[in-house]
Amino acid sequence: MKLSACLALFALAASADAFAPITNGAPKATSTALFGGVGIWYSSSTGNTETVADYIASAAGGLDYNDIGDATTEEIEGADALIVGAPTWHTGADEQRSGTSWDEWLYDTLPSLNMDGKKVAVFGVGDQQSYTDNFCDAAGELYDLLSAKGCKIYGLTSTEGYDHQASKAIVEGDKFCGLMCDEDNQYDLSEGRAQSWIAQLKDEGFF
């Protein structure tokens, strides 16, 4: 091969390398609570609500999720949509039903936020057998207070397939205010329910 041809090939290779992506040592992109404009916020007492949050995040394609106690005003008001979830710990209570960070956030932080028109989807975790009269009551509290702030609630679901006596999470007569899961008695259904719910939210235009 002639020297001029070799030099041309060398120059071409160097030029190609100059435009190749640099990976070694470069910072990797990480997901955030606002990935895709949707924030997933929850709080958990025993870890069950975090488990369901993980199912939801995976079904939605890899969203991140964080404890509401760590949320900033900018993260909440800046999100296009919010998926929020809570357990029910203070059974029978009219207020502060979750026994988690939600109790303080709902009554101390939410009142000062601009939430008008915000898309919101609610999920709850409860125990239908041990607390059959208060199944997922805290999810109903999320629904009530966020609705009162002008949020538009998506993702209401059927009460069929559950076995409880009463729930403050029931709205419009016969619907849950969102996705309800029971990690104590129906843990084998939670992941599938989360997947179906995310599909429903997509159909409703939530994402």
N, C-alpha and C. Protein backbone atom coordinates (compact mmCIF):
# COMPACT_ATOMS: atom_id res chain seq x y z
N MET A 1 0.86 -1.19 0.00
CA MET A 1 0.00 0.00 0.00
C MET A 1 0.89 1.24 0.00
N LYS A 2 0.54 2.24 -0.78
CA LYS A 2 1.32 3.45 -0.85
C LYS A 2 1.25 4.22 0.46
N LEU A 3 2.32 4.97 0.72
CA LEU A 3 2.40 5.73 1.96
C LEU A 3 1.26 6.73 2.08
N SER A 4 0.90 7.36 0.95
CA SER A 4 -0.17 8.36 0.99
C SER A 4 -1.50 7.72 1.38
N ALA A 5 -1.74 6.47 0.91
CA ALA A 5 -2.99 5.78 1.25
C ALA A 5 -3.02 5.43 2.72
N CYS A 6 -1.87 4.98 3.26
CA CYS A 6 -1.80 4.64 4.69
C CYS A 6 -2.08 5.85 5.55
N LEU A 7 -1.48 6.98 5.14
CA LEU A 7 -1.70 8.20 5.92
C LEU A 7 -3.16 8.61 5.89
N ALA A 8 -3.82 8.41 4.76
CA ALA A 8 -5.24 8.77 4.63
C ALA A 8 -6.09 7.91 5.54
N LEU A 9 -5.79 6.59 5.58
CA LEU A 9 -6.55 5.70 6.45
C LEU A 9 -6.34 6.05 7.91
N PHE A 10 -5.10 6.39 8.26
CA PHE A 10 -4.80 6.77 9.65
C PHE A 10 -5.57 8.02 10.05
N ALA A 11 -5.64 8.98 9.15
CA ALA A 11 -6.36 10.22 9.44
C ALA A 11 -7.84 9.96 9.59
N LEU A 12 -8.38 9.06 8.75
CA LEU A 12 -9.81 8.73 8.82
C LEU A 12 -10.14 8.06 10.14
N ALA A 13 -9.28 7.13 10.59
CA ALA A 13 -9.50 6.44 11.86
C ALA A 13 -9.45 7.42 13.01
N ALA A 14 -8.50 8.33 12.98
CA ALA A 14 -8.38 9.32 14.05
C ALA A 14 -9.60 10.21 14.09
N SER A 15 -10.10 10.57 12.89
CA SER A 15 -11.30 11.40 12.82
C SER A 15 -12.50 10.69 13.41
N ALA A 16 -12.64 9.38 13.12
CA ALA A 16 -13.77 8.61 13.64
C ALA A 16 -13.70 8.52 15.15
N ASP A 17 -12.47 8.30 15.68
CA ASP A 17 -12.30 8.21 17.13
C ASP A 17 -12.68 9.52 17.81
N ALA A 18 -12.46 10.62 17.12
CA ALA A 18 -12.74 11.92 17.72
C ALA A 18 -14.22 12.11 17.98
N PHE A 19 -15.05 11.41 17.19
CA PHE A 19 -16.50 11.55 17.33
C PHE A 19 -17.13 10.37 18.05
N ALA A 20 -16.32 9.41 18.50
CA ALA A 20 -16.86 8.26 19.23
C ALA A 20 -17.25 8.69 20.63
N PRO A 21 -18.34 8.13 21.19
CA PRO A 21 -18.75 8.49 22.55
C PRO A 21 -17.72 8.06 23.57
N ILE A 22 -17.47 8.90 24.55
CA ILE A 22 -16.53 8.60 25.62
C ILE A 22 -17.31 8.01 26.78
N THR A 23 -16.95 6.80 27.17
CA THR A 23 -17.70 6.12 28.22
C THR A 23 -16.89 5.98 29.50
N ASN A 24 -15.61 5.64 29.37
CA ASN A 24 -14.80 5.43 30.56
C ASN A 24 -14.63 6.74 31.33
N GLY A 25 -15.02 6.72 32.59
CA GLY A 25 -14.85 7.90 33.42
C GLY A 25 -15.97 8.91 33.30
N ALA A 26 -16.88 8.74 32.35
CA ALA A 26 -17.99 9.68 32.20
C ALA A 26 -19.08 9.35 33.20
N PRO A 27 -19.75 10.37 33.75
CA PRO A 27 -20.82 10.10 34.71
C PRO A 27 -21.99 9.42 34.03
N LYS A 28 -22.57 8.45 34.69
CA LYS A 28 -23.71 7.73 34.15
C LYS A 28 -25.00 8.46 34.50
N ALA A 29 -25.94 8.43 33.56
CA ALA A 29 -27.24 9.04 33.82
C ALA A 29 -27.99 8.21 34.85
N THR A 30 -28.67 8.88 35.74
CA THR A 30 -29.45 8.18 36.76
C THR A 30 -30.89 8.64 36.70
N SER A 31 -31.79 7.76 37.09
CA SER A 31 -33.20 8.12 37.12
C SER A 31 -33.47 8.96 38.35
N THR A 32 -34.51 9.77 38.29
CA THR A 32 -34.89 10.61 39.42
C THR A 32 -36.36 10.41 39.70
N ALA A 33 -36.85 11.04 40.76
CA ALA A 33 -38.26 10.93 41.11
C ALA A 33 -39.14 11.57 40.06
N LEU A 34 -38.57 12.39 39.18
CA LEU A 34 -39.35 13.06 38.17
C LEU A 34 -39.08 12.49 36.78
N PHE A 35 -38.54 11.29 36.72
CA PHE A 35 -38.25 10.64 35.44
C PHE A 35 -39.53 10.58 34.61
N GLY A 36 -39.46 11.08 33.38
CA GLY A 36 -40.63 11.08 32.53
C GLY A 36 -41.69 12.07 32.97
N GLY A 37 -41.34 13.00 33.89
CA GLY A 37 -42.33 13.97 34.34
C GLY A 37 -43.29 13.44 35.37
N VAL A 38 -43.09 12.20 35.81
CA VAL A 38 -43.98 11.57 36.80
C VAL A 38 -43.19 11.26 38.06
N GLY A 39 -43.67 11.72 39.20
CA GLY A 39 -43.03 11.41 40.47
C GLY A 39 -43.82 10.37 41.23
N ILE A 40 -43.14 9.36 41.75
CA ILE A 40 -43.77 8.35 42.61
C ILE A 40 -43.34 8.64 44.05
N TRP A 41 -44.32 8.92 44.88
CA TRP A 41 -44.06 9.25 46.28
C TRP A 41 -44.88 8.35 47.18
N TYR A 42 -44.24 7.80 48.18
CA TYR A 42 -44.90 6.87 49.09
C TYR A 42 -44.31 7.06 50.47
N SER A 43 -44.84 6.36 51.44
CA SER A 43 -44.18 6.19 52.73
C SER A 43 -44.64 4.85 53.27
N SER A 44 -43.82 4.23 54.10
CA SER A 44 -44.09 2.85 54.48
C SER A 44 -43.76 2.61 55.95
N SER A 45 -44.56 1.77 56.60
CA SER A 45 -44.32 1.40 57.99
C SER A 45 -43.57 0.08 58.10
N THR A 46 -43.98 -0.90 57.32
CA THR A 46 -43.40 -2.24 57.41
C THR A 46 -42.63 -2.64 56.16
N GLY A 47 -42.70 -1.84 55.11
CA GLY A 47 -42.04 -2.17 53.85
C GLY A 47 -43.00 -2.63 52.78
N ASN A 48 -44.25 -2.92 53.13
CA ASN A 48 -45.21 -3.41 52.14
C ASN A 48 -45.52 -2.35 51.08
N THR A 49 -45.67 -1.11 51.51
CA THR A 49 -45.98 -0.04 50.56
C THR A 49 -44.81 0.20 49.62
N GLU A 50 -43.60 0.07 50.13
CA GLU A 50 -42.43 0.20 49.27
C GLU A 50 -42.38 -0.93 48.24
N THR A 51 -42.78 -2.13 48.63
CA THR A 51 -42.83 -3.25 47.70
C THR A 51 -43.79 -2.95 46.55
N VAL A 52 -44.97 -2.44 46.88
CA VAL A 52 -45.95 -2.12 45.85
C VAL A 52 -45.46 -0.95 44.99
N ALA A 53 -44.80 0.02 45.60
CA ALA A 53 -44.23 1.13 44.83
C ALA A 53 -43.23 0.61 43.80
N ASP A 54 -42.48 -0.40 44.18
CA ASP A 54 -41.51 -1.00 43.26
C ASP A 54 -42.22 -1.70 42.10
N TYR A 55 -43.32 -2.40 42.40
CA TYR A 55 -44.10 -3.04 41.33
C TYR A 55 -44.61 -1.99 40.34
N ILE A 56 -45.12 -0.89 40.88
CA ILE A 56 -45.66 0.18 40.04
C ILE A 56 -44.56 0.80 39.20
N ALA A 57 -43.43 1.09 39.83
CA ALA A 57 -42.31 1.70 39.12
C ALA A 57 -41.83 0.82 37.97
N SER A 58 -41.74 -0.48 38.22
CA SER A 58 -41.29 -1.42 37.18
C SER A 58 -42.30 -1.50 36.05
N ALA A 59 -43.58 -1.55 36.41
CA ALA A 59 -44.63 -1.63 35.39
C ALA A 59 -44.67 -0.39 34.51
N ALA A 60 -44.25 0.74 35.08
CA ALA A 60 -44.26 2.00 34.34
C ALA A 60 -43.00 2.19 33.50
N GLY A 61 -42.09 1.23 33.57
CA GLY A 61 -40.90 1.30 32.72
C GLY A 61 -39.65 1.77 33.42
N GLY A 62 -39.63 1.73 34.74
CA GLY A 62 -38.41 2.07 35.46
C GLY A 62 -38.42 3.40 36.17
N LEU A 63 -39.57 3.85 36.62
CA LEU A 63 -39.63 5.08 37.39
C LEU A 63 -38.95 4.89 38.74
N ASP A 64 -38.41 5.98 39.26
CA ASP A 64 -37.85 5.96 40.60
C ASP A 64 -38.96 6.28 41.59
N TYR A 65 -38.75 5.94 42.85
CA TYR A 65 -39.76 6.24 43.87
C TYR A 65 -39.05 6.66 45.15
N ASN A 66 -39.68 7.58 45.89
CA ASN A 66 -39.05 8.15 47.06
C ASN A 66 -40.06 8.38 48.17
N ASP A 67 -39.56 8.46 49.40
CA ASP A 67 -40.42 8.72 50.55
C ASP A 67 -40.89 10.17 50.51
N ILE A 68 -42.16 10.38 50.77
CA ILE A 68 -42.73 11.73 50.71
C ILE A 68 -42.06 12.65 51.73
N GLY A 69 -41.51 12.09 52.78
CA GLY A 69 -40.81 12.90 53.76
C GLY A 69 -39.56 13.57 53.22
N ASP A 70 -39.05 13.08 52.08
CA ASP A 70 -37.86 13.65 51.46
C ASP A 70 -38.19 14.59 50.31
N ALA A 71 -39.46 14.79 50.03
CA ALA A 71 -39.87 15.59 48.88
C ALA A 71 -39.65 17.08 49.11
N THR A 72 -39.28 17.78 48.05
CA THR A 72 -39.18 19.23 48.10
C THR A 72 -40.38 19.84 47.39
N THR A 73 -40.64 21.10 47.68
CA THR A 73 -41.73 21.80 47.01
C THR A 73 -41.53 21.79 45.50
N GLU A 74 -40.29 21.99 45.06
CA GLU A 74 -40.00 22.03 43.63
C GLU A 74 -40.29 20.69 42.96
N GLU A 75 -40.00 19.60 43.63
CA GLU A 75 -40.24 18.28 43.04
C GLU A 75 -41.73 18.00 42.91
N ILE A 76 -42.50 18.39 43.89
CA ILE A 76 -43.94 18.12 43.85
C ILE A 76 -44.64 19.04 42.86
N GLU A 77 -44.40 20.33 42.97
CA GLU A 77 -45.07 21.28 42.08
C GLU A 77 -44.55 21.18 40.65
N GLY A 78 -43.31 20.74 40.48
CA GLY A 78 -42.72 20.68 39.15
C GLY A 78 -43.05 19.43 38.36
N ALA A 79 -43.58 18.41 39.02
CA ALA A 79 -43.92 17.16 38.33
C ALA A 79 -45.16 17.34 37.46
N ASP A 80 -45.16 16.69 36.31
CA ASP A 80 -46.35 16.70 35.46
C ASP A 80 -47.46 15.89 36.10
N ALA A 81 -47.09 14.84 36.80
CA ALA A 81 -48.07 13.95 37.42
C ALA A 81 -47.44 13.28 38.63
N LEU A 82 -48.28 12.86 39.57
CA LEU A 82 -47.81 12.23 40.80
C LEU A 82 -48.53 10.91 41.02
N ILE A 83 -47.78 9.88 41.36
CA ILE A 83 -48.34 8.63 41.85
C ILE A 83 -48.02 8.58 43.34
N VAL A 84 -49.04 8.51 44.17
CA VAL A 84 -48.84 8.61 45.62
C VAL A 84 -49.45 7.41 46.31
N GLY A 85 -48.76 6.90 47.35
CA GLY A 85 -49.26 5.71 48.02
C GLY A 85 -48.94 5.69 49.49
N ALA A 86 -49.85 5.07 50.26
CA ALA A 86 -49.67 5.02 51.72
C ALA A 86 -50.27 3.74 52.29
N PRO A 87 -49.73 3.29 53.41
CA PRO A 87 -50.36 2.20 54.17
C PRO A 87 -51.38 2.80 55.13
N THR A 88 -52.16 1.97 55.78
CA THR A 88 -53.05 2.43 56.84
C THR A 88 -52.57 1.83 58.15
N TRP A 89 -52.18 2.69 59.07
CA TRP A 89 -51.64 2.24 60.35
C TRP A 89 -52.54 2.67 61.51
N HIS A 90 -52.99 3.93 61.46
CA HIS A 90 -53.89 4.43 62.51
C HIS A 90 -55.33 4.08 62.12
N THR A 91 -55.69 2.84 62.30
CA THR A 91 -57.00 2.38 61.87
C THR A 91 -58.11 3.06 62.66
N GLY A 92 -59.13 3.47 61.93
CA GLY A 92 -60.28 4.12 62.55
C GLY A 92 -60.13 5.62 62.70
N ALA A 93 -58.95 6.17 62.44
CA ALA A 93 -58.73 7.60 62.60
C ALA A 93 -59.38 8.38 61.47
N ASP A 94 -59.84 9.59 61.79
CA ASP A 94 -60.40 10.46 60.76
C ASP A 94 -59.30 11.20 60.01
N GLU A 95 -58.19 11.48 60.69
CA GLU A 95 -57.06 12.17 60.09
C GLU A 95 -55.76 11.45 60.43
N GLN A 96 -54.74 11.71 59.63
CA GLN A 96 -53.42 11.12 59.85
C GLN A 96 -53.51 9.60 60.03
N ARG A 97 -54.07 8.98 59.01
CA ARG A 97 -54.38 7.55 59.09
C ARG A 97 -53.20 6.63 58.79
N SER A 98 -52.16 7.16 58.15
CA SER A 98 -51.12 6.26 57.65
C SER A 98 -50.06 5.90 58.69
N GLY A 99 -49.84 6.76 59.67
CA GLY A 99 -48.77 6.51 60.62
C GLY A 99 -47.39 6.63 60.00
N THR A 100 -47.27 7.43 58.94
CA THR A 100 -46.01 7.61 58.23
C THR A 100 -45.76 9.09 57.98
N SER A 101 -44.78 9.38 57.14
CA SER A 101 -44.46 10.77 56.78
C SER A 101 -45.63 11.51 56.15
N TRP A 102 -46.57 10.76 55.59
CA TRP A 102 -47.73 11.40 54.97
C TRP A 102 -48.51 12.23 55.98
N ASP A 103 -48.59 11.77 57.21
CA ASP A 103 -49.44 12.45 58.20
C ASP A 103 -49.01 13.90 58.38
N GLU A 104 -47.74 14.14 58.47
CA GLU A 104 -47.24 15.51 58.61
C GLU A 104 -47.33 16.25 57.29
N TRP A 105 -46.97 15.59 56.19
CA TRP A 105 -46.94 16.26 54.89
C TRP A 105 -48.32 16.75 54.46
N LEU A 106 -49.32 15.93 54.66
CA LEU A 106 -50.67 16.29 54.21
C LEU A 106 -51.22 17.51 54.93
N TYR A 107 -50.87 17.67 56.19
CA TYR A 107 -51.47 18.74 56.98
C TYR A 107 -50.55 19.94 57.21
N ASP A 108 -49.25 19.75 57.03
CA ASP A 108 -48.31 20.86 57.23
C ASP A 108 -47.74 21.41 55.93
N THR A 109 -47.59 20.57 54.93
CA THR A 109 -46.95 20.99 53.68
C THR A 109 -47.94 21.20 52.54
N LEU A 110 -48.83 20.25 52.34
CA LEU A 110 -49.77 20.32 51.22
C LEU A 110 -50.57 21.62 51.17
N PRO A 111 -51.06 22.15 52.29
CA PRO A 111 -51.89 23.36 52.21
C PRO A 111 -51.22 24.54 51.52
N SER A 112 -49.91 24.62 51.54
CA SER A 112 -49.21 25.76 50.95
C SER A 112 -48.78 25.53 49.50
N LEU A 113 -49.05 24.36 48.95
CA LEU A 113 -48.60 24.03 47.60
C LEU A 113 -49.64 24.40 46.55
N ASN A 114 -49.16 24.72 45.36
CA ASN A 114 -50.04 24.96 44.22
C ASN A 114 -50.21 23.64 43.48
N MET A 115 -51.37 23.02 43.63
CA MET A 115 -51.61 21.70 43.05
C MET A 115 -52.76 21.71 42.04
N ASP A 116 -53.27 22.86 41.71
CA ASP A 116 -54.45 22.94 40.87
C ASP A 116 -54.20 22.31 39.50
N GLY A 117 -55.04 21.34 39.14
CA GLY A 117 -54.94 20.68 37.85
C GLY A 117 -53.90 19.58 37.77
N LYS A 118 -53.19 19.32 38.86
CA LYS A 118 -52.14 18.30 38.85
C LYS A 118 -52.74 16.90 38.67
N LYS A 119 -52.16 16.12 37.79
CA LYS A 119 -52.59 14.73 37.62
C LYS A 119 -52.07 13.89 38.79
N VAL A 120 -52.98 13.14 39.41
CA VAL A 120 -52.60 12.32 40.56
C VAL A 120 -53.24 10.95 40.45
N ALA A 121 -52.48 9.92 40.78
CA ALA A 121 -53.01 8.56 40.89
C ALA A 121 -52.62 8.04 42.27
N VAL A 122 -53.57 7.40 42.94
CA VAL A 122 -53.40 7.00 44.34
C VAL A 122 -53.31 5.48 44.45
N PHE A 123 -52.41 4.99 45.30
CA PHE A 123 -52.43 3.57 45.64
C PHE A 123 -52.35 3.42 47.15
N GLY A 124 -52.90 2.32 47.64
CA GLY A 124 -52.90 2.06 49.06
C GLY A 124 -52.58 0.61 49.36
N VAL A 125 -52.11 0.37 50.57
CA VAL A 125 -51.78 -0.99 51.01
C VAL A 125 -52.44 -1.21 52.36
N GLY A 126 -53.17 -2.32 52.48
CA GLY A 126 -53.87 -2.61 53.73
C GLY A 126 -53.97 -4.10 53.99
N ASP A 127 -54.70 -4.44 55.04
CA ASP A 127 -54.89 -5.83 55.48
C ASP A 127 -56.38 -6.08 55.61
N GLN A 128 -56.93 -6.84 54.67
CA GLN A 128 -58.38 -7.05 54.63
C GLN A 128 -58.90 -7.91 55.77
N GLN A 129 -58.08 -8.77 56.31
CA GLN A 129 -58.55 -9.68 57.36
C GLN A 129 -58.41 -9.07 58.76
N SER A 130 -57.24 -8.56 59.07
CA SER A 130 -57.02 -8.03 60.42
C SER A 130 -57.70 -6.67 60.63
N TYR A 131 -57.83 -5.90 59.55
CA TYR A 131 -58.44 -4.57 59.64
C TYR A 131 -59.53 -4.44 58.58
N THR A 132 -60.47 -5.34 58.65
CA THR A 132 -61.49 -5.46 57.60
C THR A 132 -62.41 -4.25 57.52
N ASP A 133 -62.54 -3.48 58.61
CA ASP A 133 -63.41 -2.31 58.61
C ASP A 133 -62.68 -1.04 58.19
N ASN A 134 -61.39 -1.12 57.98
CA ASN A 134 -60.60 0.07 57.65
C ASN A 134 -59.58 -0.20 56.55
N PHE A 135 -59.97 -1.00 55.58
CA PHE A 135 -59.05 -1.40 54.54
C PHE A 135 -58.60 -0.20 53.70
N CYS A 136 -57.32 0.07 53.73
CA CYS A 136 -56.72 1.14 52.91
C CYS A 136 -57.33 2.52 53.15
N ASP A 137 -57.75 2.78 54.38
CA ASP A 137 -58.36 4.07 54.69
C ASP A 137 -57.45 5.25 54.36
N ALA A 138 -56.15 5.09 54.56
CA ALA A 138 -55.22 6.21 54.32
C ALA A 138 -55.19 6.61 52.85
N ALA A 139 -55.43 5.67 51.95
CA ALA A 139 -55.50 6.02 50.52
C ALA A 139 -56.67 6.95 50.28
N GLY A 140 -57.77 6.71 50.99
CA GLY A 140 -58.91 7.61 50.89
C GLY A 140 -58.59 9.01 51.37
N GLU A 141 -57.74 9.10 52.39
CA GLU A 141 -57.32 10.41 52.90
C GLU A 141 -56.49 11.15 51.85
N LEU A 142 -55.59 10.44 51.19
CA LEU A 142 -54.82 11.05 50.11
C LEU A 142 -55.76 11.58 49.03
N TYR A 143 -56.70 10.76 48.65
CA TYR A 143 -57.66 11.13 47.61
C TYR A 143 -58.44 12.38 48.00
N ASP A 144 -58.96 12.39 49.21
CA ASP A 144 -59.80 13.51 49.66
C ASP A 144 -59.02 14.82 49.69
N LEU A 145 -57.84 14.81 50.29
CA LEU A 145 -57.09 16.05 50.47
C LEU A 145 -56.48 16.55 49.16
N LEU A 146 -56.03 15.64 48.32
CA LEU A 146 -55.47 16.07 47.04
C LEU A 146 -56.56 16.54 46.09
N SER A 147 -57.71 15.91 46.14
CA SER A 147 -58.85 16.38 45.34
C SER A 147 -59.25 17.79 45.77
N ALA A 148 -59.26 18.01 47.08
CA ALA A 148 -59.64 19.32 47.61
C ALA A 148 -58.66 20.42 47.18
N LYS A 149 -57.43 20.03 46.85
CA LYS A 149 -56.43 20.99 46.39
C LYS A 149 -56.49 21.22 44.88
N GLY A 150 -57.46 20.62 44.23
CA GLY A 150 -57.64 20.83 42.80
C GLY A 150 -56.97 19.82 41.90
N CYS A 151 -56.45 18.75 42.48
CA CYS A 151 -55.82 17.71 41.66
C CYS A 151 -56.88 16.91 40.90
N LYS A 152 -56.49 16.42 39.73
CA LYS A 152 -57.36 15.55 38.95
C LYS A 152 -56.92 14.11 39.18
N ILE A 153 -57.83 13.30 39.74
CA ILE A 153 -57.47 11.94 40.13
C ILE A 153 -57.74 10.95 39.00
N TYR A 154 -56.76 10.13 38.72
CA TYR A 154 -56.86 9.10 37.69
C TYR A 154 -56.80 7.72 38.35
N GLY A 155 -57.21 6.70 37.60
CA GLY A 155 -56.93 5.32 38.00
C GLY A 155 -57.85 4.71 39.03
N LEU A 156 -59.12 5.12 39.07
CA LEU A 156 -60.07 4.46 39.97
C LEU A 156 -60.24 3.01 39.53
N THR A 157 -60.44 2.11 40.50
CA THR A 157 -60.51 0.68 40.18
C THR A 157 -61.73 0.02 40.82
N SER A 158 -62.03 -1.17 40.34
CA SER A 158 -63.16 -1.95 40.85
C SER A 158 -62.84 -2.53 42.23
N THR A 159 -63.88 -2.70 43.03
CA THR A 159 -63.72 -3.34 44.34
C THR A 159 -63.87 -4.85 44.26
N GLU A 160 -64.14 -5.37 43.09
CA GLU A 160 -64.29 -6.82 42.93
C GLU A 160 -62.96 -7.53 43.16
N GLY A 161 -63.05 -8.69 43.80
CA GLY A 161 -61.84 -9.46 44.07
C GLY A 161 -61.24 -9.19 45.43
N TYR A 162 -61.88 -8.33 46.21
CA TYR A 162 -61.41 -8.02 47.56
C TYR A 162 -62.43 -8.54 48.58
N ASP A 163 -61.98 -8.73 49.81
CA ASP A 163 -62.84 -9.29 50.85
C ASP A 163 -62.67 -8.50 52.15
N HIS A 164 -63.41 -7.41 52.26
CA HIS A 164 -63.34 -6.56 53.45
C HIS A 164 -64.74 -6.03 53.75
N GLN A 165 -64.90 -5.45 54.92
CA GLN A 165 -66.21 -4.95 55.32
C GLN A 165 -66.42 -3.48 54.94
N ALA A 166 -65.41 -2.66 55.14
CA ALA A 166 -65.56 -1.23 54.88
C ALA A 166 -64.21 -0.61 54.53
N SER A 167 -64.27 0.52 53.81
CA SER A 167 -63.05 1.21 53.43
C SER A 167 -63.35 2.66 53.08
N LYS A 168 -62.57 3.57 53.64
CA LYS A 168 -62.70 4.99 53.29
C LYS A 168 -62.04 5.28 51.94
N ALA A 169 -61.47 4.26 51.33
CA ALA A 169 -60.88 4.43 50.00
C ALA A 169 -61.90 4.22 48.89
N ILE A 170 -63.13 3.89 49.25
CA ILE A 170 -64.18 3.69 48.25
C ILE A 170 -64.83 5.03 47.94
N VAL A 171 -64.90 5.36 46.66
CA VAL A 171 -65.49 6.61 46.20
C VAL A 171 -66.51 6.31 45.11
N GLU A 172 -67.34 7.27 44.83
CA GLU A 172 -68.36 7.14 43.78
C GLU A 172 -69.21 5.89 43.99
N GLY A 173 -69.38 5.50 45.23
CA GLY A 173 -70.28 4.41 45.56
C GLY A 173 -69.67 3.03 45.55
N ASP A 174 -68.92 2.69 44.50
CA ASP A 174 -68.46 1.31 44.37
C ASP A 174 -67.08 1.18 43.75
N LYS A 175 -66.27 2.22 43.83
CA LYS A 175 -64.93 2.15 43.24
C LYS A 175 -63.88 2.53 44.28
N PHE A 176 -62.72 1.88 44.17
CA PHE A 176 -61.58 2.33 44.95
C PHE A 176 -61.02 3.60 44.31
N CYS A 177 -60.44 4.46 45.13
CA CYS A 177 -59.89 5.72 44.63
C CYS A 177 -58.57 5.52 43.88
N GLY A 178 -58.15 4.28 43.71
CA GLY A 178 -56.92 3.97 43.00
C GLY A 178 -56.61 2.49 43.11
N LEU A 179 -55.34 2.15 43.06
CA LEU A 179 -54.91 0.76 43.20
C LEU A 179 -54.81 0.39 44.67
N MET A 180 -55.50 -0.67 45.08
CA MET A 180 -55.42 -1.14 46.46
C MET A 180 -54.79 -2.53 46.47
N CYS A 181 -53.82 -2.72 47.35
CA CYS A 181 -53.13 -4.01 47.45
C CYS A 181 -53.11 -4.50 48.89
N ASP A 182 -53.05 -5.80 49.04
CA ASP A 182 -53.00 -6.44 50.36
C ASP A 182 -51.81 -7.40 50.36
N GLU A 183 -50.69 -6.94 50.89
CA GLU A 183 -49.47 -7.75 50.91
C GLU A 183 -49.50 -8.82 51.99
N ASP A 184 -50.51 -8.78 52.86
CA ASP A 184 -50.63 -9.79 53.90
C ASP A 184 -51.44 -11.00 53.44
N ASN A 185 -52.49 -10.75 52.67
CA ASN A 185 -53.41 -11.83 52.30
C ASN A 185 -53.50 -12.09 50.80
N GLN A 186 -53.12 -11.12 49.98
CA GLN A 186 -53.19 -11.29 48.52
C GLN A 186 -51.88 -10.81 47.87
N TYR A 187 -50.78 -11.11 48.50
CA TYR A 187 -49.48 -10.66 47.99
C TYR A 187 -49.19 -11.17 46.59
N ASP A 188 -49.75 -12.33 46.26
CA ASP A 188 -49.50 -12.92 44.95
C ASP A 188 -50.23 -12.18 43.83
N LEU A 189 -51.13 -11.27 44.18
CA LEU A 189 -51.89 -10.52 43.17
C LEU A 189 -51.33 -9.11 42.95
N SER A 190 -50.48 -8.65 43.84
CA SER A 190 -50.08 -7.24 43.83
C SER A 190 -49.34 -6.84 42.55
N GLU A 191 -48.40 -7.64 42.12
CA GLU A 191 -47.63 -7.26 40.94
C GLU A 191 -48.51 -7.19 39.69
N GLY A 192 -49.38 -8.18 39.52
CA GLY A 192 -50.29 -8.17 38.39
C GLY A 192 -51.26 -7.00 38.45
N ARG A 193 -51.73 -6.69 39.65
CA ARG A 193 -52.63 -5.54 39.81
C ARG A 193 -51.92 -4.24 39.44
N ALA A 194 -50.66 -4.13 39.83
CA ALA A 194 -49.88 -2.94 39.49
C ALA A 194 -49.71 -2.81 37.98
N GLN A 195 -49.44 -3.91 37.31
CA GLN A 195 -49.27 -3.88 35.86
C GLN A 195 -50.57 -3.47 35.16
N SER A 196 -51.68 -4.02 35.61
CA SER A 196 -52.97 -3.67 35.02
C SER A 196 -53.31 -2.21 35.26
N TRP A 197 -52.97 -1.73 36.43
CA TRP A 197 -53.27 -0.35 36.79
C TRP A 197 -52.47 0.63 35.94
N ILE A 198 -51.20 0.34 35.74
CA ILE A 198 -50.38 1.21 34.90
C ILE A 198 -50.92 1.22 33.47
N ALA A 199 -51.36 0.07 32.97
CA ALA A 199 -51.96 0.02 31.63
C ALA A 199 -53.21 0.89 31.59
N GLN A 200 -54.01 0.84 32.65
CA GLN A 200 -55.21 1.67 32.74
C GLN A 200 -54.85 3.16 32.74
N LEU A 201 -53.84 3.53 33.52
CA LEU A 201 -53.42 4.93 33.57
C LEU A 201 -52.94 5.42 32.21
N LYS A 202 -52.25 4.58 31.47
CA LYS A 202 -51.82 4.96 30.13
C LYS A 202 -53.02 5.19 29.23
N ASP A 203 -54.03 4.32 29.33
CA ASP A 203 -55.24 4.47 28.53
C ASP A 203 -55.99 5.75 28.89
N GLU A 204 -55.92 6.14 30.15
CA GLU A 204 -56.63 7.34 30.61
C GLU A 204 -55.88 8.63 30.29
N GLY A 205 -54.67 8.51 29.75
CA GLY A 205 -53.89 9.69 29.41
C GLY A 205 -53.12 10.28 30.57
N PHE A 206 -52.88 9.48 31.60
CA PHE A 206 -52.15 9.97 32.76
C PHE A 206 -50.69 10.25 32.42
N PHE A 207 -50.09 9.36 31.62
CA PHE A 207 -48.68 9.52 31.23
C PHE A 207 -48.57 10.35 29.96
